[in-house]
Amino acid sequence: MNNLAILAQEDPMSPAAEAFRMLRTNLRFSSIDKPSKTILVTSVGPGEGKSEIIANLGAVIAQAGAQVIIADFDLRFPEQHKLFGLANEAGVTNVLAIRAEVGRVVRMTSIPNLLLVTAGISAPNPSELVQTQRARELLDQLADMCDFLLLDVPPLLTRADAAVLSSMADGVIMVVRTGRTKIEAALEAKNRLGQAGARILGTVLND
């Protein structure tokens, strides 16, 4: 049984769903001067809930009428296909490693206006794949297909992928979790984003 949930769809009147709508509003106000289209969402470490937050944020943005694509760049431990109940047979790695056509990996979800690109086939070298020119081209192509592109990437302190991809995004949201994330670790994660030249939009405090 999958214990992940898209509360914005399953229980739209819940306090949690309302919190995601507030996050959507805050995101809009944080980007008035410099609109953010490609937004990377990461966490400090594993188990902090970033994938669920991305799925719910994507859902509430789509429910407001915008065209949204979520792309799962957590190529080692992908979760988005589980959240949306889709197979993970073709996705990001298929485009980056075997040059599949982008249009073939963009999938419809049960939520209108919300599309998903799963992580795809297992790859032995995810860190190398996300640093390629092909990765940048994929992000550009996906961004051209939607109003908002949300990227699910590995935690900052476990892999280099998040820092690499953060430099290709318009903005970054960092997820921390009450009772789990250490202050020192959060500061180190923030420093890594700064070193990568990322634009930090804000932090989500989970739980």
N, C-alpha and C. Protein backbone atom coordinates (compact mmCIF):
# COMPACT_ATOMS: atom_id res chain seq x y z
N MET A 1 0.85 -1.19 0.00
CA MET A 1 0.00 0.00 0.00
C MET A 1 0.89 1.24 0.00
N ASN A 2 0.62 2.15 -0.90
CA ASN A 2 1.38 3.40 -0.98
C ASN A 2 0.83 4.39 0.04
N ASN A 3 1.68 4.88 0.96
CA ASN A 3 1.20 5.80 1.99
C ASN A 3 1.38 7.26 1.59
N LEU A 4 1.85 7.50 0.36
CA LEU A 4 1.94 8.85 -0.14
C LEU A 4 0.57 9.31 -0.61
N ALA A 5 0.33 10.61 -0.57
CA ALA A 5 -1.01 11.08 -0.92
C ALA A 5 -0.95 12.44 -1.59
N ILE A 6 -1.86 12.61 -2.56
CA ILE A 6 -2.05 13.93 -3.17
C ILE A 6 -3.33 14.49 -2.55
N LEU A 7 -3.18 15.12 -1.39
CA LEU A 7 -4.32 15.59 -0.61
C LEU A 7 -5.09 16.68 -1.35
N ALA A 8 -4.39 17.44 -2.18
CA ALA A 8 -5.06 18.50 -2.93
C ALA A 8 -6.14 17.93 -3.85
N GLN A 9 -5.99 16.66 -4.23
CA GLN A 9 -6.98 15.99 -5.06
C GLN A 9 -7.91 15.12 -4.22
N GLU A 10 -7.36 14.38 -3.27
CA GLU A 10 -8.14 13.41 -2.52
C GLU A 10 -8.99 14.04 -1.42
N ASP A 11 -8.50 15.13 -0.84
CA ASP A 11 -9.23 15.79 0.25
C ASP A 11 -9.04 17.30 0.13
N PRO A 12 -9.62 17.89 -0.92
CA PRO A 12 -9.33 19.30 -1.23
C PRO A 12 -9.78 20.30 -0.17
N MET A 13 -10.68 19.90 0.74
CA MET A 13 -11.15 20.81 1.77
C MET A 13 -10.37 20.68 3.07
N SER A 14 -9.36 19.83 3.09
CA SER A 14 -8.58 19.59 4.30
C SER A 14 -7.65 20.76 4.59
N PRO A 15 -7.25 20.93 5.86
CA PRO A 15 -6.27 21.98 6.19
C PRO A 15 -4.96 21.81 5.42
N ALA A 16 -4.55 20.57 5.18
CA ALA A 16 -3.31 20.33 4.43
C ALA A 16 -3.43 20.84 3.01
N ALA A 17 -4.57 20.57 2.37
CA ALA A 17 -4.78 21.05 1.00
C ALA A 17 -4.77 22.58 0.96
N GLU A 18 -5.36 23.20 1.97
CA GLU A 18 -5.37 24.66 2.03
C GLU A 18 -3.95 25.19 2.21
N ALA A 19 -3.12 24.46 2.97
CA ALA A 19 -1.73 24.87 3.15
C ALA A 19 -0.99 24.88 1.82
N PHE A 20 -1.30 23.93 0.96
CA PHE A 20 -0.65 23.91 -0.36
C PHE A 20 -1.14 25.06 -1.23
N ARG A 21 -2.39 25.44 -1.08
CA ARG A 21 -2.88 26.61 -1.83
C ARG A 21 -2.20 27.88 -1.33
N MET A 22 -1.94 27.96 -0.02
CA MET A 22 -1.20 29.10 0.52
C MET A 22 0.23 29.12 -0.03
N LEU A 23 0.82 27.94 -0.16
CA LEU A 23 2.16 27.84 -0.73
C LEU A 23 2.15 28.34 -2.18
N ARG A 24 1.11 27.96 -2.92
CA ARG A 24 0.97 28.45 -4.30
C ARG A 24 0.91 29.98 -4.34
N THR A 25 0.15 30.57 -3.44
CA THR A 25 0.03 32.02 -3.38
C THR A 25 1.36 32.67 -3.00
N ASN A 26 2.02 32.11 -1.99
CA ASN A 26 3.31 32.66 -1.56
C ASN A 26 4.35 32.57 -2.68
N LEU A 27 4.29 31.50 -3.44
CA LEU A 27 5.21 31.33 -4.56
C LEU A 27 4.99 32.41 -5.61
N ARG A 28 3.74 32.75 -5.85
CA ARG A 28 3.43 33.79 -6.82
C ARG A 28 3.98 35.14 -6.36
N PHE A 29 3.79 35.46 -5.08
CA PHE A 29 4.26 36.75 -4.56
C PHE A 29 5.78 36.81 -4.45
N SER A 30 6.42 35.67 -4.29
CA SER A 30 7.88 35.67 -4.18
C SER A 30 8.55 35.92 -5.52
N SER A 31 7.78 35.83 -6.60
CA SER A 31 8.36 35.93 -7.93
C SER A 31 7.78 37.08 -8.75
N ILE A 32 7.25 38.10 -8.07
CA ILE A 32 6.62 39.21 -8.80
C ILE A 32 7.64 39.94 -9.67
N ASP A 33 8.80 40.24 -9.11
CA ASP A 33 9.81 41.00 -9.85
C ASP A 33 10.49 40.16 -10.92
N LYS A 34 10.67 38.87 -10.63
CA LYS A 34 11.33 37.97 -11.56
C LYS A 34 10.58 36.64 -11.57
N PRO A 35 9.58 36.51 -12.45
CA PRO A 35 8.75 35.31 -12.47
C PRO A 35 9.57 34.03 -12.61
N SER A 36 9.17 33.02 -11.86
CA SER A 36 9.85 31.73 -11.90
C SER A 36 8.97 30.72 -12.61
N LYS A 37 9.48 30.16 -13.69
CA LYS A 37 8.74 29.15 -14.44
C LYS A 37 9.24 27.75 -14.12
N THR A 38 10.55 27.57 -14.13
CA THR A 38 11.14 26.27 -13.78
C THR A 38 11.58 26.32 -12.33
N ILE A 39 10.89 25.53 -11.50
CA ILE A 39 11.12 25.58 -10.06
C ILE A 39 11.60 24.21 -9.58
N LEU A 40 12.75 24.20 -8.95
CA LEU A 40 13.34 22.97 -8.42
C LEU A 40 12.96 22.86 -6.95
N VAL A 41 12.50 21.68 -6.56
CA VAL A 41 12.16 21.42 -5.16
C VAL A 41 13.06 20.30 -4.66
N THR A 42 13.77 20.59 -3.58
CA THR A 42 14.68 19.61 -3.01
C THR A 42 14.53 19.62 -1.50
N SER A 43 15.27 18.76 -0.84
CA SER A 43 15.26 18.72 0.61
C SER A 43 16.70 18.69 1.10
N VAL A 44 16.86 18.80 2.41
CA VAL A 44 18.20 18.74 2.98
C VAL A 44 18.71 17.30 2.95
N GLY A 45 17.87 16.38 3.43
CA GLY A 45 18.21 14.97 3.46
C GLY A 45 17.03 14.12 3.06
N PRO A 46 17.17 12.80 3.09
CA PRO A 46 16.07 11.91 2.72
C PRO A 46 14.96 11.88 3.77
N GLY A 47 13.76 11.51 3.36
CA GLY A 47 12.66 11.34 4.29
C GLY A 47 12.02 12.62 4.77
N GLU A 48 12.20 13.71 4.06
CA GLU A 48 11.65 15.00 4.51
C GLU A 48 10.39 15.40 3.75
N GLY A 49 9.96 14.57 2.80
CA GLY A 49 8.65 14.77 2.17
C GLY A 49 8.62 15.62 0.92
N LYS A 50 9.77 15.81 0.26
CA LYS A 50 9.80 16.70 -0.90
C LYS A 50 8.91 16.23 -2.05
N SER A 51 8.90 14.93 -2.32
CA SER A 51 8.15 14.42 -3.48
C SER A 51 6.65 14.63 -3.30
N GLU A 52 6.17 14.39 -2.09
CA GLU A 52 4.75 14.60 -1.82
C GLU A 52 4.39 16.08 -1.91
N ILE A 53 5.28 16.93 -1.44
CA ILE A 53 5.04 18.37 -1.50
C ILE A 53 5.00 18.85 -2.95
N ILE A 54 5.91 18.33 -3.79
CA ILE A 54 5.92 18.70 -5.20
C ILE A 54 4.62 18.28 -5.88
N ALA A 55 4.19 17.05 -5.63
CA ALA A 55 2.96 16.55 -6.26
C ALA A 55 1.76 17.40 -5.87
N ASN A 56 1.66 17.75 -4.59
CA ASN A 56 0.54 18.56 -4.13
C ASN A 56 0.62 19.99 -4.63
N LEU A 57 1.82 20.56 -4.68
CA LEU A 57 1.98 21.91 -5.21
C LEU A 57 1.61 21.93 -6.68
N GLY A 58 2.05 20.94 -7.43
CA GLY A 58 1.68 20.85 -8.84
C GLY A 58 0.18 20.75 -9.02
N ALA A 59 -0.46 19.98 -8.14
CA ALA A 59 -1.91 19.80 -8.24
C ALA A 59 -2.66 21.10 -8.02
N VAL A 60 -2.29 21.86 -6.99
CA VAL A 60 -3.04 23.10 -6.72
C VAL A 60 -2.75 24.17 -7.77
N ILE A 61 -1.55 24.18 -8.33
CA ILE A 61 -1.27 25.13 -9.41
C ILE A 61 -2.11 24.77 -10.64
N ALA A 62 -2.20 23.48 -10.94
CA ALA A 62 -3.01 23.03 -12.08
C ALA A 62 -4.49 23.30 -11.84
N GLN A 63 -4.95 23.13 -10.61
CA GLN A 63 -6.35 23.38 -10.29
C GLN A 63 -6.71 24.86 -10.45
N ALA A 64 -5.70 25.72 -10.40
CA ALA A 64 -5.93 27.16 -10.61
C ALA A 64 -5.95 27.52 -12.09
N GLY A 65 -5.74 26.52 -12.96
CA GLY A 65 -5.86 26.75 -14.40
C GLY A 65 -4.57 26.81 -15.18
N ALA A 66 -3.42 26.69 -14.51
CA ALA A 66 -2.14 26.74 -15.21
C ALA A 66 -1.74 25.35 -15.69
N GLN A 67 -1.01 25.30 -16.79
CA GLN A 67 -0.49 24.04 -17.32
C GLN A 67 0.81 23.73 -16.58
N VAL A 68 0.86 22.56 -15.93
CA VAL A 68 1.99 22.20 -15.09
C VAL A 68 2.60 20.87 -15.56
N ILE A 69 3.92 20.81 -15.55
CA ILE A 69 4.62 19.55 -15.75
C ILE A 69 5.50 19.30 -14.53
N ILE A 70 5.38 18.11 -13.95
CA ILE A 70 6.31 17.67 -12.91
C ILE A 70 7.28 16.69 -13.56
N ALA A 71 8.58 16.93 -13.40
CA ALA A 71 9.59 16.04 -13.95
C ALA A 71 10.39 15.44 -12.79
N ASP A 72 10.45 14.12 -12.74
CA ASP A 72 11.12 13.43 -11.64
C ASP A 72 12.58 13.20 -12.00
N PHE A 73 13.45 14.07 -11.47
CA PHE A 73 14.89 13.95 -11.69
C PHE A 73 15.58 13.27 -10.51
N ASP A 74 14.81 12.68 -9.59
CA ASP A 74 15.41 11.86 -8.54
C ASP A 74 15.58 10.47 -9.13
N LEU A 75 16.65 10.29 -9.88
CA LEU A 75 16.79 9.11 -10.74
C LEU A 75 17.15 7.84 -9.97
N ARG A 76 17.55 7.96 -8.72
CA ARG A 76 17.89 6.78 -7.92
C ARG A 76 16.70 6.29 -7.10
N PHE A 77 15.94 7.23 -6.54
CA PHE A 77 14.80 6.87 -5.68
C PHE A 77 13.56 7.66 -6.11
N PRO A 78 13.06 7.40 -7.30
CA PRO A 78 11.90 8.16 -7.80
C PRO A 78 10.61 7.82 -7.05
N GLU A 79 9.77 8.84 -6.87
CA GLU A 79 8.51 8.65 -6.16
C GLU A 79 7.29 9.12 -6.94
N GLN A 80 7.49 10.02 -7.91
CA GLN A 80 6.33 10.64 -8.55
C GLN A 80 5.42 9.64 -9.25
N HIS A 81 5.97 8.61 -9.88
CA HIS A 81 5.12 7.63 -10.56
C HIS A 81 4.24 6.89 -9.55
N LYS A 82 4.74 6.69 -8.32
CA LYS A 82 3.94 6.03 -7.29
C LYS A 82 2.80 6.94 -6.84
N LEU A 83 3.10 8.22 -6.67
CA LEU A 83 2.08 9.17 -6.24
C LEU A 83 0.92 9.25 -7.23
N PHE A 84 1.25 9.22 -8.51
CA PHE A 84 0.22 9.38 -9.54
C PHE A 84 -0.27 8.05 -10.12
N GLY A 85 0.25 6.94 -9.61
CA GLY A 85 -0.22 5.63 -10.04
C GLY A 85 0.11 5.31 -11.48
N LEU A 86 1.30 5.72 -11.95
CA LEU A 86 1.71 5.48 -13.33
C LEU A 86 2.94 4.59 -13.37
N ALA A 87 3.13 3.90 -14.48
CA ALA A 87 4.32 3.07 -14.66
C ALA A 87 5.55 3.95 -14.85
N ASN A 88 6.70 3.42 -14.50
CA ASN A 88 7.95 4.17 -14.62
C ASN A 88 8.82 3.57 -15.72
N GLU A 89 8.21 3.24 -16.82
CA GLU A 89 8.94 2.53 -17.88
C GLU A 89 9.66 3.46 -18.84
N ALA A 90 9.25 4.71 -18.90
CA ALA A 90 9.90 5.66 -19.81
C ALA A 90 9.82 7.05 -19.21
N GLY A 91 10.97 7.72 -19.15
CA GLY A 91 10.97 9.04 -18.54
C GLY A 91 12.26 9.79 -18.79
N VAL A 92 12.75 10.49 -17.78
CA VAL A 92 13.91 11.36 -17.90
C VAL A 92 15.12 10.62 -18.43
N THR A 93 15.44 9.46 -17.83
CA THR A 93 16.64 8.74 -18.25
C THR A 93 16.54 8.23 -19.68
N ASN A 94 15.34 7.91 -20.12
CA ASN A 94 15.18 7.47 -21.51
C ASN A 94 15.56 8.58 -22.48
N VAL A 95 15.23 9.82 -22.12
CA VAL A 95 15.59 10.96 -22.97
C VAL A 95 17.09 11.23 -22.89
N LEU A 96 17.64 11.20 -21.68
CA LEU A 96 19.04 11.56 -21.51
C LEU A 96 20.01 10.47 -21.96
N ALA A 97 19.64 9.20 -21.72
CA ALA A 97 20.58 8.11 -22.00
C ALA A 97 20.40 7.50 -23.38
N ILE A 98 19.16 7.37 -23.85
CA ILE A 98 18.95 6.71 -25.16
C ILE A 98 18.24 7.63 -26.15
N ARG A 99 18.14 8.92 -25.75
CA ARG A 99 17.63 9.97 -26.63
C ARG A 99 16.22 9.67 -27.15
N ALA A 100 15.37 9.22 -26.26
CA ALA A 100 13.95 9.08 -26.61
C ALA A 100 13.36 10.46 -26.86
N GLU A 101 12.32 10.53 -27.66
CA GLU A 101 11.68 11.80 -27.94
C GLU A 101 10.95 12.31 -26.69
N VAL A 102 11.07 13.59 -26.43
CA VAL A 102 10.47 14.18 -25.24
C VAL A 102 8.97 13.96 -25.20
N GLY A 103 8.32 14.12 -26.34
CA GLY A 103 6.87 13.96 -26.39
C GLY A 103 6.39 12.59 -25.98
N ARG A 104 7.25 11.59 -26.08
CA ARG A 104 6.85 10.21 -25.74
C ARG A 104 6.90 9.93 -24.25
N VAL A 105 7.54 10.80 -23.48
CA VAL A 105 7.66 10.54 -22.04
C VAL A 105 6.80 11.46 -21.19
N VAL A 106 6.12 12.41 -21.80
CA VAL A 106 5.22 13.30 -21.07
C VAL A 106 3.86 12.62 -20.96
N ARG A 107 3.42 12.38 -19.72
CA ARG A 107 2.22 11.59 -19.48
C ARG A 107 1.12 12.44 -18.86
N MET A 108 -0.11 12.12 -19.16
CA MET A 108 -1.25 12.76 -18.51
C MET A 108 -1.47 12.13 -17.14
N THR A 109 -1.93 12.93 -16.19
CA THR A 109 -2.32 12.42 -14.88
C THR A 109 -3.84 12.53 -14.76
N SER A 110 -4.36 12.11 -13.62
CA SER A 110 -5.81 12.19 -13.40
C SER A 110 -6.25 13.61 -13.07
N ILE A 111 -5.29 14.53 -12.91
CA ILE A 111 -5.61 15.91 -12.59
C ILE A 111 -5.51 16.76 -13.86
N PRO A 112 -6.59 17.42 -14.26
CA PRO A 112 -6.54 18.26 -15.46
C PRO A 112 -5.42 19.30 -15.36
N ASN A 113 -4.77 19.54 -16.47
CA ASN A 113 -3.68 20.52 -16.59
C ASN A 113 -2.36 20.08 -15.97
N LEU A 114 -2.32 18.88 -15.39
CA LEU A 114 -1.09 18.41 -14.74
C LEU A 114 -0.51 17.21 -15.49
N LEU A 115 0.70 17.38 -16.02
CA LEU A 115 1.39 16.33 -16.75
C LEU A 115 2.59 15.87 -15.94
N LEU A 116 3.06 14.65 -16.24
CA LEU A 116 4.16 14.08 -15.47
C LEU A 116 5.19 13.44 -16.39
N VAL A 117 6.46 13.66 -16.08
CA VAL A 117 7.55 12.93 -16.70
C VAL A 117 8.20 12.12 -15.57
N THR A 118 8.08 10.82 -15.61
CA THR A 118 8.65 9.98 -14.56
C THR A 118 10.17 9.90 -14.73
N ALA A 119 10.83 9.26 -13.77
CA ALA A 119 12.30 9.18 -13.82
C ALA A 119 12.77 8.30 -14.97
N GLY A 120 12.04 7.23 -15.26
CA GLY A 120 12.42 6.36 -16.37
C GLY A 120 13.30 5.20 -15.94
N ILE A 121 13.90 4.56 -16.91
CA ILE A 121 14.70 3.36 -16.68
C ILE A 121 15.87 3.65 -15.74
N SER A 122 16.30 2.62 -15.02
CA SER A 122 17.44 2.77 -14.11
C SER A 122 18.71 3.06 -14.90
N ALA A 123 19.50 4.00 -14.38
CA ALA A 123 20.75 4.38 -15.06
C ALA A 123 21.90 4.26 -14.06
N PRO A 124 23.06 3.78 -14.51
CA PRO A 124 24.20 3.61 -13.61
C PRO A 124 24.92 4.91 -13.26
N ASN A 125 24.64 5.97 -13.98
CA ASN A 125 25.41 7.22 -13.80
C ASN A 125 24.51 8.46 -13.77
N PRO A 126 23.55 8.52 -12.83
CA PRO A 126 22.62 9.66 -12.80
C PRO A 126 23.32 11.01 -12.69
N SER A 127 24.36 11.11 -11.86
CA SER A 127 25.02 12.41 -11.68
C SER A 127 25.63 12.93 -12.98
N GLU A 128 26.18 12.02 -13.77
CA GLU A 128 26.75 12.41 -15.05
C GLU A 128 25.67 12.82 -16.04
N LEU A 129 24.53 12.12 -16.01
CA LEU A 129 23.46 12.41 -16.95
C LEU A 129 22.90 13.82 -16.76
N VAL A 130 22.73 14.24 -15.51
CA VAL A 130 22.10 15.54 -15.27
C VAL A 130 23.04 16.71 -15.57
N GLN A 131 24.32 16.42 -15.78
CA GLN A 131 25.27 17.49 -16.09
C GLN A 131 25.48 17.68 -17.59
N THR A 132 24.77 16.92 -18.40
CA THR A 132 24.97 16.99 -19.83
C THR A 132 24.19 18.14 -20.46
N GLN A 133 24.59 18.51 -21.65
CA GLN A 133 23.87 19.50 -22.42
C GLN A 133 22.47 19.00 -22.74
N ARG A 134 22.34 17.70 -22.90
CA ARG A 134 21.04 17.11 -23.18
C ARG A 134 20.06 17.37 -22.03
N ALA A 135 20.55 17.37 -20.79
CA ALA A 135 19.68 17.66 -19.65
C ALA A 135 19.15 19.08 -19.72
N ARG A 136 20.03 20.01 -20.05
CA ARG A 136 19.59 21.40 -20.17
C ARG A 136 18.57 21.55 -21.31
N GLU A 137 18.81 20.86 -22.41
CA GLU A 137 17.88 20.91 -23.53
C GLU A 137 16.53 20.32 -23.14
N LEU A 138 16.54 19.25 -22.36
CA LEU A 138 15.29 18.65 -21.90
C LEU A 138 14.50 19.62 -21.05
N LEU A 139 15.15 20.31 -20.14
CA LEU A 139 14.46 21.29 -19.31
C LEU A 139 13.87 22.41 -20.16
N ASP A 140 14.62 22.87 -21.14
CA ASP A 140 14.12 23.93 -22.02
C ASP A 140 12.89 23.46 -22.80
N GLN A 141 12.95 22.23 -23.30
CA GLN A 141 11.82 21.70 -24.07
C GLN A 141 10.58 21.55 -23.20
N LEU A 142 10.76 21.04 -22.00
CA LEU A 142 9.62 20.86 -21.10
C LEU A 142 9.04 22.21 -20.69
N ALA A 143 9.90 23.18 -20.42
CA ALA A 143 9.43 24.51 -20.03
C ALA A 143 8.61 25.16 -21.13
N ASP A 144 8.96 24.88 -22.38
CA ASP A 144 8.21 25.43 -23.51
C ASP A 144 6.81 24.83 -23.63
N MET A 145 6.59 23.70 -22.95
CA MET A 145 5.32 22.98 -23.06
C MET A 145 4.35 23.31 -21.94
N CYS A 146 4.73 24.18 -21.01
CA CYS A 146 3.87 24.41 -19.85
C CYS A 146 4.03 25.82 -19.30
N ASP A 147 3.19 26.14 -18.31
CA ASP A 147 3.31 27.41 -17.60
C ASP A 147 4.28 27.29 -16.43
N PHE A 148 4.30 26.10 -15.80
CA PHE A 148 5.20 25.85 -14.67
C PHE A 148 5.80 24.46 -14.81
N LEU A 149 7.11 24.39 -14.62
CA LEU A 149 7.83 23.13 -14.63
C LEU A 149 8.42 22.91 -13.23
N LEU A 150 7.99 21.84 -12.57
CA LEU A 150 8.45 21.53 -11.22
C LEU A 150 9.39 20.33 -11.28
N LEU A 151 10.56 20.47 -10.69
CA LEU A 151 11.58 19.43 -10.74
C LEU A 151 11.75 18.78 -9.37
N ASP A 152 11.59 17.47 -9.32
CA ASP A 152 11.83 16.68 -8.11
C ASP A 152 13.25 16.14 -8.21
N VAL A 153 14.14 16.57 -7.33
CA VAL A 153 15.55 16.19 -7.41
C VAL A 153 15.99 15.57 -6.08
N PRO A 154 17.13 14.87 -6.06
CA PRO A 154 17.61 14.25 -4.82
C PRO A 154 17.92 15.28 -3.73
N PRO A 155 17.98 14.83 -2.47
CA PRO A 155 18.34 15.74 -1.38
C PRO A 155 19.72 16.35 -1.59
N LEU A 156 19.88 17.56 -1.09
CA LEU A 156 21.10 18.32 -1.32
C LEU A 156 22.34 17.69 -0.70
N LEU A 157 22.20 17.09 0.48
CA LEU A 157 23.37 16.60 1.19
C LEU A 157 23.72 15.15 0.87
N THR A 158 22.95 14.51 -0.02
CA THR A 158 23.27 13.12 -0.36
C THR A 158 23.83 12.97 -1.76
N ARG A 159 23.48 13.88 -2.67
CA ARG A 159 23.93 13.79 -4.05
C ARG A 159 24.26 15.18 -4.59
N ALA A 160 25.09 15.20 -5.63
CA ALA A 160 25.44 16.48 -6.26
C ALA A 160 24.39 16.94 -7.26
N ASP A 161 23.44 16.05 -7.61
CA ASP A 161 22.47 16.34 -8.66
C ASP A 161 21.68 17.63 -8.40
N ALA A 162 21.24 17.81 -7.15
CA ALA A 162 20.40 18.97 -6.84
C ALA A 162 21.13 20.28 -7.08
N ALA A 163 22.38 20.36 -6.65
CA ALA A 163 23.14 21.59 -6.84
C ALA A 163 23.37 21.86 -8.33
N VAL A 164 23.66 20.80 -9.08
CA VAL A 164 23.88 20.95 -10.53
C VAL A 164 22.62 21.47 -11.21
N LEU A 165 21.49 20.85 -10.92
CA LEU A 165 20.24 21.22 -11.57
C LEU A 165 19.72 22.57 -11.09
N SER A 166 20.08 22.96 -9.86
CA SER A 166 19.58 24.23 -9.33
C SER A 166 20.06 25.42 -10.16
N SER A 167 21.22 25.27 -10.78
CA SER A 167 21.75 26.36 -11.60
C SER A 167 20.99 26.49 -12.92
N MET A 168 20.19 25.46 -13.27
CA MET A 168 19.42 25.49 -14.51
C MET A 168 17.98 25.92 -14.27
N ALA A 169 17.58 26.06 -13.01
CA ALA A 169 16.20 26.43 -12.68
C ALA A 169 16.08 27.92 -12.41
N ASP A 170 14.85 28.43 -12.48
CA ASP A 170 14.61 29.84 -12.18
C ASP A 170 14.59 30.10 -10.68
N GLY A 171 14.28 29.06 -9.92
CA GLY A 171 14.21 29.22 -8.47
C GLY A 171 14.18 27.88 -7.78
N VAL A 172 14.49 27.90 -6.48
CA VAL A 172 14.58 26.67 -5.69
C VAL A 172 13.76 26.81 -4.42
N ILE A 173 13.01 25.75 -4.11
CA ILE A 173 12.33 25.62 -2.82
C ILE A 173 13.00 24.49 -2.06
N MET A 174 13.38 24.76 -0.81
CA MET A 174 14.03 23.73 0.00
C MET A 174 13.07 23.25 1.09
N VAL A 175 12.92 21.94 1.19
CA VAL A 175 12.02 21.34 2.18
C VAL A 175 12.82 20.90 3.40
N VAL A 176 12.34 21.28 4.58
CA VAL A 176 12.89 20.79 5.84
C VAL A 176 11.74 20.20 6.64
N ARG A 177 12.07 19.30 7.57
CA ARG A 177 11.01 18.60 8.31
C ARG A 177 11.20 18.76 9.81
N THR A 178 10.11 19.11 10.48
CA THR A 178 10.14 19.27 11.92
C THR A 178 10.56 17.96 12.59
N GLY A 179 11.52 18.06 13.51
CA GLY A 179 11.95 16.89 14.24
C GLY A 179 12.91 15.99 13.50
N ARG A 180 13.25 16.34 12.27
CA ARG A 180 14.14 15.49 11.48
C ARG A 180 15.35 16.27 10.95
N THR A 181 15.10 17.43 10.38
CA THR A 181 16.18 18.22 9.78
C THR A 181 16.97 18.95 10.86
N LYS A 182 18.27 18.78 10.85
CA LYS A 182 19.14 19.48 11.78
C LYS A 182 19.47 20.88 11.24
N ILE A 183 19.55 21.85 12.14
CA ILE A 183 19.83 23.23 11.73
C ILE A 183 21.16 23.31 10.98
N GLU A 184 22.17 22.61 11.48
CA GLU A 184 23.48 22.65 10.84
C GLU A 184 23.41 22.10 9.42
N ALA A 185 22.62 21.03 9.24
CA ALA A 185 22.48 20.43 7.92
C ALA A 185 21.75 21.38 6.97
N ALA A 186 20.72 22.07 7.48
CA ALA A 186 19.97 23.02 6.64
C ALA A 186 20.87 24.16 6.19
N LEU A 187 21.73 24.64 7.09
CA LEU A 187 22.65 25.71 6.73
C LEU A 187 23.66 25.25 5.68
N GLU A 188 24.14 24.02 5.82
CA GLU A 188 25.07 23.48 4.83
C GLU A 188 24.39 23.35 3.47
N ALA A 189 23.14 22.89 3.47
CA ALA A 189 22.39 22.77 2.21
C ALA A 189 22.21 24.13 1.56
N LYS A 190 21.87 25.14 2.36
CA LYS A 190 21.72 26.51 1.84
C LYS A 190 23.03 27.01 1.24
N ASN A 191 24.13 26.70 1.90
CA ASN A 191 25.44 27.12 1.38
C ASN A 191 25.74 26.48 0.03
N ARG A 192 25.37 25.22 -0.11
CA ARG A 192 25.62 24.52 -1.38
C ARG A 192 24.80 25.14 -2.51
N LEU A 193 23.58 25.54 -2.20
CA LEU A 193 22.78 26.22 -3.22
C LEU A 193 23.41 27.56 -3.59
N GLY A 194 23.91 28.26 -2.58
CA GLY A 194 24.56 29.53 -2.85
C GLY A 194 25.79 29.38 -3.72
N GLN A 195 26.58 28.35 -3.45
CA GLN A 195 27.78 28.10 -4.24
C GLN A 195 27.44 27.75 -5.69
N ALA A 196 26.26 27.14 -5.88
CA ALA A 196 25.83 26.77 -7.23
C ALA A 196 25.21 27.95 -7.97
N GLY A 197 25.03 29.07 -7.28
CA GLY A 197 24.41 30.23 -7.91
C GLY A 197 22.90 30.12 -8.02
N ALA A 198 22.29 29.29 -7.17
CA ALA A 198 20.85 29.09 -7.23
C ALA A 198 20.11 30.28 -6.62
N ARG A 199 18.92 30.51 -7.11
CA ARG A 199 18.03 31.54 -6.56
C ARG A 199 17.04 30.86 -5.63
N ILE A 200 17.20 31.04 -4.33
CA ILE A 200 16.35 30.39 -3.34
C ILE A 200 15.06 31.20 -3.16
N LEU A 201 13.93 30.59 -3.48
CA LEU A 201 12.64 31.27 -3.34
C LEU A 201 12.13 31.21 -1.92
N GLY A 202 12.46 30.12 -1.22
CA GLY A 202 11.98 29.98 0.14
C GLY A 202 12.12 28.56 0.64
N THR A 203 11.61 28.34 1.84
CA THR A 203 11.69 27.03 2.50
C THR A 203 10.30 26.58 2.91
N VAL A 204 10.04 25.29 2.76
CA VAL A 204 8.80 24.70 3.23
C VAL A 204 9.11 23.91 4.50
N LEU A 205 8.41 24.21 5.58
CA LEU A 205 8.55 23.47 6.83
C LEU A 205 7.48 22.40 6.86
N ASN A 206 7.88 21.15 6.69
CA ASN A 206 6.95 20.02 6.66
C ASN A 206 6.63 19.56 8.09
N ASP A 207 5.41 19.06 8.27
CA ASP A 207 4.94 18.60 9.60
C ASP A 207 4.86 19.75 10.59
